[in-house]
Amino acid sequence: MTPTPSQMSTLKNYNQKLENYGFIRVGAAVPVVSVADTFENTHRITALIDEAVDRQIALVVFPELCVTGYTCGDLFFQNTLLHGAEEAVKAIAAHTQGLPITVVIGAPVSDNGRLYSGFDDSYVSKMRELVSAADYILPNITEACLLTNLPYKESYDRRYIQRLMEALHALGAKNVVLTGVSFSEDTSGAAVYDGENIRYYEHRRIGKGFHGTGDIFAAVFAGAILQGQDALSAASKAADFAVMSIENTVGDMAHEY
């Protein structure tokens, strides 16, 4: 529902007060998803983006797989659905051009050295096109290798990370944030590259992987960037928050880890 003129005035004054203290309005949007209907889902997602703009929200985050739905089953192995998802992401990106809002939509590609089930090389090729238009990209090492055609290594040094980040930057991304960078058994972290300098942030390593940490990282990172923080500060804040989230919920049996 679009706010009334009176509500818009109130929101504008409220947002100004938030900005004075370094805060922004953040929204979480959950569209009604039609399974495997990427055209209809794109329409619903862009409608929610427009509503968020009307509400003067600066950052809106959507669920992963909101473009296709989670329960597509064997359809994830069909090029028709994968192509539809690629076109949907492009359409959403085009829709946001010129709008005073940042939109976060995740597209799962790969981890642990291989593509997720349901995604093929044509999907990776289309992701390279999206990377070329990005201000920030946040791939893990597997995704970076697939995007750059460089070999995946579980053991590596800083020269290897440098090669990956320079290759990603050469695709057109203005800033590269490589996640899951680890030079020892006790630490993990992120590497940040702006085309000139590579900077690293390390934190204690949890010891195993958990689904959803990439989404948490991306959400916190985007919020920090919108607050005016530099990429390294945003990455460190995002990494620390992800670690704290895991440590505070890993013992809770209500969470599915």
Protein backbone atom coordinates (compact mmCIF):
# COMPACT_ATOMS: atom_id res chain seq x y z
CA MET A 1 0.00 0.00 0.00
CA THR A 2 1.41 3.38 -1.07
CA PRO A 3 1.75 5.92 1.80
CA THR A 4 -0.57 8.95 1.79
CA PRO A 5 0.93 12.45 1.27
CA SER A 6 0.69 13.04 5.02
CA GLN A 7 2.51 9.78 5.75
CA MET A 8 5.14 10.64 3.14
CA SER A 9 5.84 13.95 4.86
CA THR A 10 6.17 12.18 8.21
CA LEU A 11 8.53 9.59 6.68
CA LYS A 12 10.67 12.29 5.10
CA ASN A 13 11.10 14.11 8.42
CA TYR A 14 11.79 10.82 10.20
CA ASN A 15 14.39 9.77 7.64
CA GLN A 16 16.15 13.10 7.93
CA LYS A 17 16.47 12.58 11.67
CA LEU A 18 17.83 9.05 11.08
CA GLU A 19 20.43 10.32 8.61
CA ASN A 20 21.56 12.97 11.06
CA TYR A 21 22.62 10.16 13.41
CA GLY A 22 24.08 7.89 10.73
CA PHE A 23 21.08 5.56 10.45
CA ILE A 24 19.07 4.46 7.40
CA ARG A 25 15.69 2.81 6.88
CA VAL A 26 16.08 -0.89 6.04
CA GLY A 27 13.35 -3.17 4.77
CA ALA A 28 12.92 -6.93 4.39
CA ALA A 29 10.61 -7.80 1.50
CA VAL A 30 9.01 -11.23 1.04
CA PRO A 31 7.11 -11.57 -2.24
CA VAL A 32 4.41 -14.13 -2.89
CA VAL A 33 6.35 -16.58 -5.04
CA SER A 34 4.95 -18.62 -7.92
CA VAL A 35 7.12 -21.70 -8.28
CA ALA A 36 9.27 -21.57 -11.44
CA ASP A 37 7.38 -18.54 -12.80
CA THR A 38 10.28 -16.10 -13.07
CA PHE A 39 8.27 -13.54 -15.07
CA GLU A 40 5.53 -13.23 -12.46
CA ASN A 41 8.02 -13.28 -9.60
CA THR A 42 10.02 -10.48 -11.23
CA HIS A 43 6.84 -8.40 -11.49
CA ARG A 44 6.10 -8.94 -7.78
CA ILE A 45 9.68 -8.18 -6.74
CA THR A 46 9.84 -4.93 -8.70
CA ALA A 47 6.46 -3.91 -7.30
CA LEU A 48 7.84 -4.37 -3.77
CA ILE A 49 10.93 -2.36 -4.74
CA ASP A 50 8.68 0.49 -5.88
CA GLU A 51 6.74 0.30 -2.62
CA ALA A 52 10.00 0.42 -0.67
CA VAL A 53 11.02 3.53 -2.60
CA ASP A 54 7.64 5.13 -1.77
CA ARG A 55 8.32 4.38 1.88
CA GLN A 56 11.76 6.00 1.54
CA ILE A 57 13.59 2.80 2.44
CA ALA A 58 17.29 2.98 1.57
CA LEU A 59 18.08 -0.75 1.63
CA VAL A 60 15.69 -3.63 0.93
CA VAL A 61 16.68 -7.30 1.22
CA PHE A 62 14.82 -10.16 -0.50
CA PRO A 63 14.98 -13.90 0.30
CA GLU A 64 17.31 -16.14 -1.65
CA LEU A 65 15.70 -17.97 -4.59
CA CYS A 66 12.77 -15.55 -4.53
CA VAL A 67 13.06 -15.34 -8.34
CA THR A 68 12.38 -19.06 -8.85
CA GLY A 69 11.09 -20.42 -5.56
CA TYR A 70 12.72 -23.14 -3.48
CA THR A 71 10.61 -26.13 -4.51
CA CYS A 72 11.37 -26.34 -8.23
CA GLY A 73 12.81 -29.83 -7.90
CA ASP A 74 14.05 -31.24 -11.22
CA LEU A 75 13.21 -27.96 -12.94
CA PHE A 76 16.46 -26.61 -11.53
CA PHE A 77 18.17 -28.86 -14.09
CA GLN A 78 16.29 -27.26 -17.01
CA ASN A 79 17.94 -24.50 -19.03
CA THR A 80 14.56 -22.80 -19.47
CA LEU A 81 14.28 -22.06 -15.76
CA LEU A 82 17.94 -21.09 -15.42
CA HIS A 83 17.69 -18.73 -18.39
CA GLY A 84 14.50 -17.25 -16.92
CA ALA A 85 16.30 -16.63 -13.63
CA GLU A 86 19.16 -14.88 -15.44
CA GLU A 87 16.76 -12.64 -17.35
CA ALA A 88 14.85 -11.90 -14.14
CA VAL A 89 17.97 -10.68 -12.33
CA LYS A 90 18.81 -8.48 -15.32
CA ALA A 91 15.29 -7.04 -15.36
CA ILE A 92 15.40 -6.30 -11.63
CA ALA A 93 18.79 -4.61 -11.99
CA ALA A 94 17.49 -2.49 -14.89
CA HIS A 95 14.40 -1.56 -12.88
CA THR A 96 16.48 -0.17 -10.03
CA GLN A 97 18.58 2.10 -12.25
CA GLY A 98 18.16 5.67 -11.02
CA LEU A 99 16.13 4.70 -7.96
CA PRO A 100 17.33 5.95 -4.54
CA ILE A 101 17.53 2.44 -3.08
CA THR A 102 19.90 -0.50 -2.77
CA VAL A 103 18.39 -3.93 -3.42
CA VAL A 104 20.00 -7.20 -2.26
CA ILE A 105 19.06 -10.39 -4.12
CA GLY A 106 21.25 -13.47 -3.86
CA ALA A 107 21.94 -15.89 -6.70
CA PRO A 108 23.43 -19.22 -5.56
CA VAL A 109 26.25 -20.47 -7.76
CA SER A 110 28.76 -22.72 -6.03
CA ASP A 111 30.79 -23.75 -3.00
CA ASN A 112 33.51 -26.25 -2.05
CA GLY A 113 34.97 -26.22 -5.55
CA ARG A 114 31.85 -27.08 -7.57
CA LEU A 115 28.60 -25.66 -8.86
CA TYR A 116 25.42 -26.18 -6.89
CA SER A 117 23.13 -28.79 -8.35
CA GLY A 118 20.99 -27.27 -11.09
CA PHE A 119 23.48 -24.68 -12.37
CA ASP A 120 25.72 -25.12 -15.40
CA ASP A 121 28.45 -23.25 -17.26
CA SER A 122 25.93 -21.10 -19.14
CA TYR A 123 24.73 -19.76 -15.78
CA VAL A 124 28.29 -18.86 -14.79
CA SER A 125 28.72 -17.07 -18.13
CA LYS A 126 25.64 -14.95 -17.48
CA MET A 127 26.85 -14.18 -13.96
CA ARG A 128 30.03 -12.74 -15.49
CA GLU A 129 27.85 -10.25 -17.37
CA LEU A 130 26.21 -9.16 -14.11
CA VAL A 131 29.60 -8.87 -12.40
CA SER A 132 30.71 -6.41 -15.06
CA ALA A 133 28.04 -3.94 -13.90
CA ALA A 134 28.53 -4.38 -10.15
CA ASP A 135 29.84 -1.81 -7.69
CA TYR A 136 30.63 -4.59 -5.19
CA ILE A 137 30.78 -8.37 -5.57
CA LEU A 138 31.07 -10.80 -2.65
CA PRO A 139 32.04 -14.22 -4.04
CA ASN A 140 33.55 -17.08 -2.11
CA ILE A 141 36.70 -18.69 -3.49
CA THR A 142 34.83 -21.35 -5.48
CA GLU A 143 32.63 -18.73 -7.14
CA ALA A 144 35.70 -16.62 -7.87
CA CYS A 145 37.42 -19.55 -9.59
CA LEU A 146 34.39 -20.34 -11.72
CA LEU A 147 33.95 -16.70 -12.75
CA THR A 148 37.64 -16.30 -13.67
CA ASN A 149 38.37 -19.83 -14.99
CA LEU A 150 41.26 -20.11 -12.54
CA PRO A 151 41.94 -23.46 -10.82
CA TYR A 152 40.32 -24.08 -7.43
CA LYS A 153 42.74 -24.75 -4.57
CA GLU A 154 42.01 -25.69 -0.97
CA SER A 155 45.55 -24.71 0.06
CA TYR A 156 46.85 -21.40 -1.25
CA ASP A 157 48.93 -18.33 -0.48
CA ARG A 158 48.47 -14.57 -0.89
CA ARG A 159 49.74 -14.65 -4.47
CA TYR A 160 46.88 -16.98 -5.39
CA ILE A 161 44.32 -14.69 -3.74
CA GLN A 162 45.84 -11.73 -5.56
CA ARG A 163 45.45 -13.50 -8.92
CA LEU A 164 41.80 -14.25 -8.18
CA MET A 165 40.98 -10.71 -7.13
CA GLU A 166 42.76 -9.08 -10.04
CA ALA A 167 40.94 -11.40 -12.45
CA LEU A 168 37.57 -10.58 -10.86
CA HIS A 169 38.30 -6.86 -11.05
CA ALA A 170 39.22 -7.27 -14.71
CA LEU A 171 35.69 -8.58 -15.37
CA GLY A 172 34.42 -5.08 -14.55
CA ALA A 173 33.54 -5.17 -10.86
CA LYS A 174 34.59 -1.92 -9.20
CA ASN A 175 35.24 -3.51 -5.79
CA VAL A 176 35.88 -7.16 -4.97
CA VAL A 177 35.25 -8.68 -1.52
CA LEU A 178 36.44 -12.30 -1.45
CA THR A 179 34.99 -14.28 1.45
CA GLY A 180 36.22 -17.42 3.17
CA VAL A 181 39.89 -16.51 2.81
CA SER A 182 41.98 -18.59 5.21
CA PHE A 183 45.74 -18.82 5.58
CA SER A 184 45.72 -20.98 8.75
CA GLU A 185 43.59 -23.63 10.44
CA ASP A 186 42.53 -21.21 13.18
CA THR A 187 41.42 -18.20 11.14
CA SER A 188 39.22 -17.25 8.23
CA GLY A 189 38.22 -13.89 6.84
CA ALA A 190 37.85 -11.69 3.79
CA ALA A 191 40.05 -9.91 1.28
CA VAL A 192 39.07 -6.53 -0.20
CA TYR A 193 40.35 -5.15 -3.52
CA ASP A 194 39.56 -1.78 -5.12
CA GLY A 195 41.77 -2.15 -8.18
CA GLU A 196 44.85 -0.81 -6.42
CA ASN A 197 45.29 -2.36 -2.98
CA ILE A 198 44.37 -5.69 -1.40
CA ARG A 199 43.51 -5.54 2.30
CA TYR A 200 42.73 -8.45 4.58
CA TYR A 201 40.57 -9.02 7.64
CA GLU A 202 40.90 -12.19 9.73
CA HIS A 203 38.67 -13.60 12.47
CA ARG A 204 38.52 -16.82 14.45
CA ARG A 205 37.42 -19.83 12.46
CA ILE A 206 34.28 -21.71 13.49
CA GLY A 207 35.46 -25.05 12.10
CA LYS A 208 32.57 -25.98 9.79
CA GLY A 209 30.29 -24.35 7.25
CA PHE A 210 26.72 -23.20 7.82
CA HIS A 211 23.99 -22.39 5.33
CA GLY A 212 22.92 -18.76 5.24
CA THR A 213 26.13 -17.12 6.45
CA GLY A 214 26.68 -15.58 3.03
CA ASP A 215 23.26 -13.92 3.21
CA ILE A 216 24.02 -12.54 6.67
CA PHE A 217 27.39 -11.26 5.47
CA ALA A 218 25.86 -9.56 2.42
CA ALA A 219 23.10 -7.86 4.42
CA VAL A 220 25.44 -6.44 7.07
CA PHE A 221 28.00 -5.44 4.43
CA ALA A 222 25.38 -3.54 2.40
CA GLY A 223 24.12 -1.72 5.48
CA ALA A 224 27.63 -0.66 6.47
CA ILE A 225 28.40 0.60 2.95
CA LEU A 226 25.21 2.67 2.96
CA GLN A 227 26.32 4.19 6.26
CA GLY A 228 29.43 5.46 4.51
CA GLN A 229 31.93 2.88 5.76
CA ASP A 230 34.75 1.74 3.51
CA ALA A 231 34.74 -1.78 2.09
CA LEU A 232 37.23 -3.23 4.59
CA SER A 233 35.34 -1.86 7.59
CA ALA A 234 32.06 -3.14 6.13
CA ALA A 235 33.57 -6.59 5.47
CA SER A 236 35.02 -6.86 8.97
CA LYS A 237 31.71 -5.86 10.55
CA ALA A 238 29.85 -8.37 8.37
CA ALA A 239 32.29 -11.19 9.17
CA ASP A 240 32.18 -10.52 12.91
CA PHE A 241 28.39 -10.42 12.93
CA ALA A 242 28.17 -13.72 11.01
CA VAL A 243 30.54 -15.38 13.51
CA MET A 244 28.59 -14.04 16.49
CA SER A 245 25.31 -15.20 14.93
CA ILE A 246 26.63 -18.73 14.57
CA GLU A 247 28.12 -18.84 18.06
CA ASN A 248 24.88 -17.63 19.62
CA THR A 249 22.63 -20.12 17.81
CA VAL A 250 24.70 -23.22 17.07
CA GLY A 251 23.68 -24.85 20.35
CA ASP A 252 19.99 -24.11 19.87
CA MET A 253 18.23 -27.28 18.67
CA ALA A 254 15.48 -25.13 17.13
CA HIS A 255 17.97 -24.04 14.47
CA GLU A 256 18.62 -26.40 11.57
CA TYR A 257 22.37 -26.60 11.17
